[in-house]
Structure formats: C-alpha cells, structure tokens
Amino acid sequence: MNFNINQCSVNLISPEVAEVIVDESVFAYTRLEENQEVTVIFPGAIIHESFNSHADALEEIGRIWHLIREAEIGMQLLFRSRNRECHTVQIASSH
C-alpha cells in the first residue's frame, strides 16, 4: 500500500492542531506555531520537526509512513522461510 496524501484524512481538532488519519488510524498531528511554522507530532507526544508549510509537513509525514511500511515489509520477509530459518532480505530503498 502506498501513501497518497490525497487519500489520507486531515481533521482540524482545534484552530492550531490537525490530526492526519492514515489507514483509519491517527498517524500524526500537525500544530501551527505562533511563528507560522508547522510542527509534526506523532502519537505519544513525539515532536518530530517543524516545517515552513502544511504541504512540507504532510510530505514529511508521508516519508515517515513509507519508512515504517518498508521496515514492516522487511520484518515480514525476515521471518519467511520454508525451513523456518531466520534470514535477512535486502530491500532497496527508493529514497
């Protein structure tokens, strides 16, 4: 599944804070700061980084989503083996 910014939902939950919904779950939040920067925050109050625009913040959220999906796929491949042996599989990154 590919992250498509047009297929996620962004819900404004206060004048400064929006939640980004991906796969029917809250994946991240954005917060508009007083200096007009947009901060990306992940659940658990993990403050990631601030950006100059909402578009840049959403692009970063997509990049992080791709990294997590790549890692999940890598872990699935790591444990797949006909002999039930653990092995590693090299995954080429498109980043």
Protein backbone atom coordinates (compact mmCIF):
# COMPACT_ATOMS: atom_id res chain seq x y z
CA MET A 1 0.00 0.00 0.00
CA ASN A 2 1.37 3.39 -0.98
CA PHE A 3 0.89 6.58 0.97
CA ASN A 4 -1.11 9.02 -1.10
CA ILE A 5 -1.60 12.37 0.54
CA ASN A 6 -4.89 12.69 -1.34
CA GLN A 7 -6.21 9.51 0.32
CA CYS A 8 -5.45 10.44 3.91
CA SER A 9 -7.83 12.48 6.03
CA VAL A 10 -6.84 15.66 7.81
CA ASN A 11 -9.22 16.69 10.58
CA LEU A 12 -8.93 20.06 12.30
CA ILE A 13 -9.30 19.41 16.04
CA SER A 14 -8.50 22.96 17.19
CA PRO A 15 -7.55 26.20 15.42
CA GLU A 16 -3.88 25.18 15.63
CA VAL A 17 -3.93 21.36 15.63
CA ALA A 18 -4.95 18.84 12.97
CA GLU A 19 -4.83 15.06 13.02
CA VAL A 20 -3.66 13.08 9.99
CA ILE A 21 -5.58 9.83 9.56
CA VAL A 22 -3.97 7.03 7.52
CA ASP A 23 -5.46 3.54 7.26
CA GLU A 24 -8.33 4.62 9.55
CA SER A 25 -5.97 5.47 12.44
CA VAL A 26 -4.39 8.68 13.68
CA PHE A 27 -0.86 8.55 12.29
CA ALA A 28 0.34 12.06 13.14
CA TYR A 29 -0.67 15.54 14.21
CA THR A 30 0.33 18.94 12.86
CA ARG A 31 0.45 22.06 15.01
CA LEU A 32 0.59 25.60 13.65
CA GLU A 33 3.07 27.56 15.76
CA GLU A 34 2.96 31.30 16.52
CA ASN A 35 5.84 31.84 14.08
CA GLN A 36 3.69 30.17 11.35
CA GLU A 37 5.86 27.04 11.21
CA VAL A 38 4.05 23.69 11.19
CA THR A 39 5.29 21.10 13.68
CA VAL A 40 4.82 17.37 13.05
CA ILE A 41 3.93 15.42 16.19
CA PHE A 42 3.45 11.66 16.38
CA PRO A 43 1.18 9.90 18.90
CA GLY A 44 2.74 9.70 22.33
CA ALA A 45 3.74 13.39 22.15
CA ILE A 46 6.79 12.63 19.98
CA ILE A 47 7.73 16.00 18.48
CA HIS A 48 9.43 15.35 15.15
CA GLU A 49 10.28 18.56 13.32
CA SER A 50 8.91 21.94 12.22
CA PHE A 51 8.35 22.96 8.59
CA ASN A 52 7.61 26.15 6.68
CA SER A 53 4.25 24.94 5.36
CA HIS A 54 1.50 22.38 5.83
CA ALA A 55 2.45 20.83 2.46
CA ASP A 56 6.03 20.28 3.63
CA ALA A 57 4.79 18.79 6.91
CA LEU A 58 2.46 16.39 5.07
CA GLU A 59 5.27 15.40 2.71
CA GLU A 60 7.42 14.51 5.73
CA ILE A 61 4.56 12.53 7.27
CA GLY A 62 4.36 10.57 4.00
CA ARG A 63 8.12 9.97 4.03
CA ILE A 64 7.98 8.61 7.59
CA TRP A 65 4.98 6.45 6.70
CA HIS A 66 6.96 4.94 3.80
CA LEU A 67 9.93 4.21 6.08
CA ILE A 68 7.70 2.42 8.57
CA ARG A 69 5.96 0.39 5.82
CA GLU A 70 9.35 -0.57 4.36
CA ALA A 71 10.51 -1.75 7.78
CA GLU A 72 7.29 -3.74 8.31
CA ILE A 73 7.70 -5.45 4.94
CA GLY A 74 11.35 -6.15 5.73
CA MET A 75 10.39 -7.79 9.03
CA GLN A 76 7.78 -9.94 7.30
CA LEU A 77 10.37 -11.11 4.79
CA LEU A 78 12.90 -11.69 7.55
CA PHE A 79 10.78 -14.40 9.14
CA ARG A 80 9.53 -16.09 5.96
CA SER A 81 11.37 -19.24 5.13
CA ARG A 82 10.36 -22.71 4.02
CA ASN A 83 12.76 -24.19 6.57
CA ARG A 84 11.61 -21.83 9.33
CA GLU A 85 15.09 -20.38 9.49
CA CYS A 86 15.53 -16.72 10.20
CA HIS A 87 17.30 -14.92 7.38
CA THR A 88 17.70 -11.36 6.18
CA VAL A 89 16.48 -9.99 2.89
CA GLN A 90 18.00 -6.88 1.36
CA ILE A 91 15.33 -4.32 0.46
CA ALA A 92 16.24 -1.50 -1.87
CA SER A 93 15.03 1.86 -0.68
CA SER A 94 13.51 4.30 -3.14
CA HIS A 95 14.53 7.28 -1.00
